[in-house]
N, C-alpha and C. Protein backbone atom coordinates (compact mmCIF):
# COMPACT_ATOMS: atom_id res chain seq x y z
N CYS A 1 12.21 -22.86 -13.03
CA CYS A 1 13.22 -23.54 -13.80
C CYS A 1 12.80 -24.99 -14.00
N ASN A 2 12.89 -25.48 -15.21
CA ASN A 2 12.57 -26.86 -15.49
C ASN A 2 13.84 -27.69 -15.39
N ALA A 3 14.15 -28.12 -14.19
CA ALA A 3 15.39 -28.86 -13.95
C ALA A 3 15.39 -30.19 -14.68
N ASP A 4 14.21 -30.79 -14.89
CA ASP A 4 14.15 -32.08 -15.58
C ASP A 4 14.73 -32.00 -16.98
N PHE A 5 14.60 -30.85 -17.63
CA PHE A 5 15.18 -30.68 -18.97
C PHE A 5 16.69 -30.91 -18.91
N PHE A 6 17.34 -30.31 -17.93
CA PHE A 6 18.79 -30.46 -17.81
C PHE A 6 19.17 -31.85 -17.33
N HIS A 7 18.35 -32.41 -16.45
CA HIS A 7 18.62 -33.78 -16.00
C HIS A 7 18.53 -34.74 -17.17
N ALA A 8 17.52 -34.55 -18.03
CA ALA A 8 17.35 -35.43 -19.18
C ALA A 8 18.59 -35.38 -20.08
N SER A 9 19.16 -34.21 -20.25
CA SER A 9 20.38 -34.09 -21.06
C SER A 9 21.51 -34.90 -20.44
N ALA A 10 21.65 -34.80 -19.13
CA ALA A 10 22.70 -35.56 -18.44
C ALA A 10 22.45 -37.06 -18.56
N TYR A 11 21.21 -37.49 -18.37
CA TYR A 11 20.88 -38.91 -18.49
C TYR A 11 21.18 -39.41 -19.90
N HIS A 12 20.88 -38.59 -20.90
CA HIS A 12 21.14 -38.97 -22.29
C HIS A 12 22.64 -39.20 -22.50
N PHE A 13 23.46 -38.29 -22.00
CA PHE A 13 24.91 -38.43 -22.17
C PHE A 13 25.48 -39.58 -21.36
N MET A 14 24.74 -40.04 -20.33
CA MET A 14 25.17 -41.21 -19.55
C MET A 14 24.63 -42.50 -20.15
N ASP A 15 24.00 -42.39 -21.33
CA ASP A 15 23.42 -43.55 -22.04
C ASP A 15 22.34 -44.26 -21.23
N ILE A 16 21.59 -43.52 -20.44
CA ILE A 16 20.43 -44.09 -19.75
C ILE A 16 19.28 -44.11 -20.75
N ALA A 17 18.57 -45.21 -20.82
CA ALA A 17 17.48 -45.36 -21.79
C ALA A 17 16.41 -44.29 -21.54
N THR A 18 15.92 -43.71 -22.63
CA THR A 18 14.91 -42.64 -22.54
C THR A 18 13.68 -43.09 -21.76
N LYS A 19 13.29 -44.36 -21.91
CA LYS A 19 12.09 -44.84 -21.21
C LYS A 19 12.27 -44.85 -19.69
N LEU A 20 13.49 -44.70 -19.21
CA LEU A 20 13.74 -44.67 -17.77
C LEU A 20 13.75 -43.26 -17.20
N PHE A 21 13.70 -42.22 -18.05
CA PHE A 21 13.76 -40.85 -17.56
C PHE A 21 12.62 -40.56 -16.58
N THR A 22 11.39 -40.87 -16.96
CA THR A 22 10.25 -40.56 -16.10
C THR A 22 10.34 -41.28 -14.75
N PRO A 23 10.63 -42.60 -14.74
CA PRO A 23 10.77 -43.24 -13.42
C PRO A 23 11.87 -42.61 -12.56
N ILE A 24 12.95 -42.17 -13.17
CA ILE A 24 14.02 -41.52 -12.40
C ILE A 24 13.53 -40.19 -11.85
N PHE A 25 12.80 -39.40 -12.67
CA PHE A 25 12.25 -38.13 -12.19
C PHE A 25 11.33 -38.38 -11.00
N VAL A 26 10.49 -39.42 -11.10
CA VAL A 26 9.53 -39.72 -10.03
C VAL A 26 10.26 -40.13 -8.76
N MET A 27 11.27 -40.98 -8.90
CA MET A 27 12.01 -41.43 -7.70
C MET A 27 12.60 -40.25 -6.93
N SER A 28 13.00 -39.21 -7.66
CA SER A 28 13.59 -38.07 -6.97
C SER A 28 12.56 -37.24 -6.22
N ARG A 29 11.29 -37.47 -6.50
CA ARG A 29 10.23 -36.67 -5.87
C ARG A 29 9.41 -37.43 -4.83
N VAL A 30 9.53 -38.74 -4.81
CA VAL A 30 8.67 -39.56 -3.95
C VAL A 30 8.78 -39.17 -2.48
N THR A 31 9.97 -38.91 -1.98
CA THR A 31 10.10 -38.57 -0.56
C THR A 31 9.37 -37.27 -0.24
N GLY A 32 9.43 -36.29 -1.13
CA GLY A 32 8.71 -35.04 -0.92
C GLY A 32 7.21 -35.25 -0.93
N TRP A 33 6.74 -36.05 -1.88
CA TRP A 33 5.30 -36.34 -1.95
C TRP A 33 4.85 -37.06 -0.68
N ALA A 34 5.65 -38.04 -0.23
CA ALA A 34 5.30 -38.79 0.98
C ALA A 34 5.26 -37.86 2.19
N ALA A 35 6.21 -36.94 2.29
CA ALA A 35 6.23 -35.99 3.41
C ALA A 35 4.98 -35.13 3.40
N HIS A 36 4.54 -34.68 2.22
CA HIS A 36 3.32 -33.87 2.14
C HIS A 36 2.11 -34.67 2.60
N VAL A 37 2.02 -35.92 2.18
CA VAL A 37 0.89 -36.76 2.59
C VAL A 37 0.88 -36.93 4.10
N MET A 38 2.04 -37.19 4.68
CA MET A 38 2.11 -37.38 6.13
C MET A 38 1.73 -36.10 6.87
N GLU A 39 2.16 -34.94 6.37
CA GLU A 39 1.79 -33.67 7.01
C GLU A 39 0.29 -33.42 6.91
N GLN A 40 -0.28 -33.72 5.75
CA GLN A 40 -1.71 -33.49 5.56
C GLN A 40 -2.53 -34.41 6.46
N ARG A 41 -2.11 -35.65 6.58
CA ARG A 41 -2.85 -36.58 7.44
C ARG A 41 -2.71 -36.22 8.91
N ALA A 42 -1.57 -35.71 9.30
CA ALA A 42 -1.35 -35.34 10.71
C ALA A 42 -2.27 -34.20 11.13
N ASP A 43 -2.48 -33.23 10.24
CA ASP A 43 -3.33 -32.07 10.55
C ASP A 43 -4.76 -32.24 10.07
N ASN A 44 -5.02 -33.32 9.33
CA ASN A 44 -6.35 -33.60 8.77
C ASN A 44 -6.85 -32.45 7.90
N ARG A 45 -5.94 -31.84 7.15
CA ARG A 45 -6.34 -30.80 6.21
C ARG A 45 -5.36 -30.75 5.05
N ILE A 46 -5.84 -30.29 3.91
CA ILE A 46 -4.99 -30.18 2.74
C ILE A 46 -4.10 -28.95 2.88
N ILE A 47 -2.84 -29.12 2.57
CA ILE A 47 -1.90 -28.01 2.66
C ILE A 47 -1.95 -27.22 1.36
N ARG A 48 -2.22 -25.95 1.47
CA ARG A 48 -2.25 -25.07 0.30
C ARG A 48 -1.26 -23.94 0.53
N PRO A 49 -0.40 -23.70 -0.46
CA PRO A 49 0.54 -22.59 -0.28
C PRO A 49 -0.18 -21.25 -0.24
N SER A 50 0.29 -20.36 0.60
CA SER A 50 -0.30 -19.03 0.64
C SER A 50 0.58 -18.09 -0.17
N ALA A 51 -0.06 -17.34 -1.04
CA ALA A 51 0.69 -16.41 -1.89
C ALA A 51 -0.19 -15.21 -2.19
N ASP A 52 0.43 -14.07 -2.29
CA ASP A 52 -0.26 -12.84 -2.67
C ASP A 52 0.28 -12.38 -4.00
N TYR A 53 -0.63 -11.99 -4.90
CA TYR A 53 -0.22 -11.47 -6.20
C TYR A 53 0.42 -10.11 -6.01
N THR A 54 1.61 -9.93 -6.54
CA THR A 54 2.32 -8.66 -6.39
C THR A 54 2.60 -8.00 -7.73
N GLY A 55 1.94 -8.47 -8.77
CA GLY A 55 2.16 -7.92 -10.11
C GLY A 55 1.43 -6.61 -10.31
N PRO A 56 1.42 -6.15 -11.56
CA PRO A 56 0.77 -4.87 -11.85
C PRO A 56 -0.74 -4.93 -11.62
N GLU A 57 -1.32 -3.76 -11.40
CA GLU A 57 -2.77 -3.67 -11.21
C GLU A 57 -3.50 -4.11 -12.48
N LEU A 58 -4.73 -4.55 -12.32
CA LEU A 58 -5.53 -4.94 -13.48
C LEU A 58 -5.77 -3.73 -14.38
N ARG A 59 -5.75 -3.97 -15.68
CA ARG A 59 -5.99 -2.89 -16.63
C ARG A 59 -7.17 -3.25 -17.51
N LYS A 60 -7.79 -2.24 -18.08
CA LYS A 60 -8.92 -2.44 -18.98
C LYS A 60 -8.40 -3.00 -20.30
N VAL A 61 -9.11 -3.98 -20.84
CA VAL A 61 -8.73 -4.56 -22.12
C VAL A 61 -9.28 -3.68 -23.23
N VAL A 62 -8.38 -3.24 -24.11
CA VAL A 62 -8.78 -2.40 -25.25
C VAL A 62 -8.96 -3.31 -26.46
N PRO A 63 -10.14 -3.29 -27.09
CA PRO A 63 -10.35 -4.13 -28.27
C PRO A 63 -9.29 -3.85 -29.34
N ILE A 64 -8.91 -4.85 -30.08
CA ILE A 64 -7.85 -4.72 -31.08
C ILE A 64 -8.14 -3.60 -32.07
N ALA A 65 -9.39 -3.49 -32.49
CA ALA A 65 -9.76 -2.46 -33.48
C ALA A 65 -9.53 -1.05 -32.96
N GLU A 66 -9.52 -0.88 -31.64
CA GLU A 66 -9.35 0.45 -31.05
C GLU A 66 -7.91 0.74 -30.62
N ARG A 67 -7.00 -0.19 -30.82
CA ARG A 67 -5.62 0.00 -30.39
C ARG A 67 -4.84 0.81 -31.43
N SER A 68 -3.90 1.60 -30.95
CA SER A 68 -3.05 2.36 -31.87
C SER A 68 -1.83 1.52 -32.24
N ALA A 69 -1.26 1.78 -33.37
CA ALA A 69 -0.09 1.03 -33.85
C ALA A 69 1.18 1.74 -33.41
N ALA A 70 1.36 1.88 -32.12
CA ALA A 70 2.52 2.62 -31.60
C ALA A 70 3.72 1.74 -31.48
């Protein structure tokens, strides 16, 4: 979800200048960014999220000329 889109709408209706939207978005994230930096420095390693792909299996790509118009 792109929450900034909805935040921007609210800021607009509050008559906040458009040029201030980005600084406001950044201010809301600074504490999270700082926490990540502190965690990375404490363990002396970059934090990478672990995730496993759970989508459909890979399929063979059929060239457009060979596809049926179903």
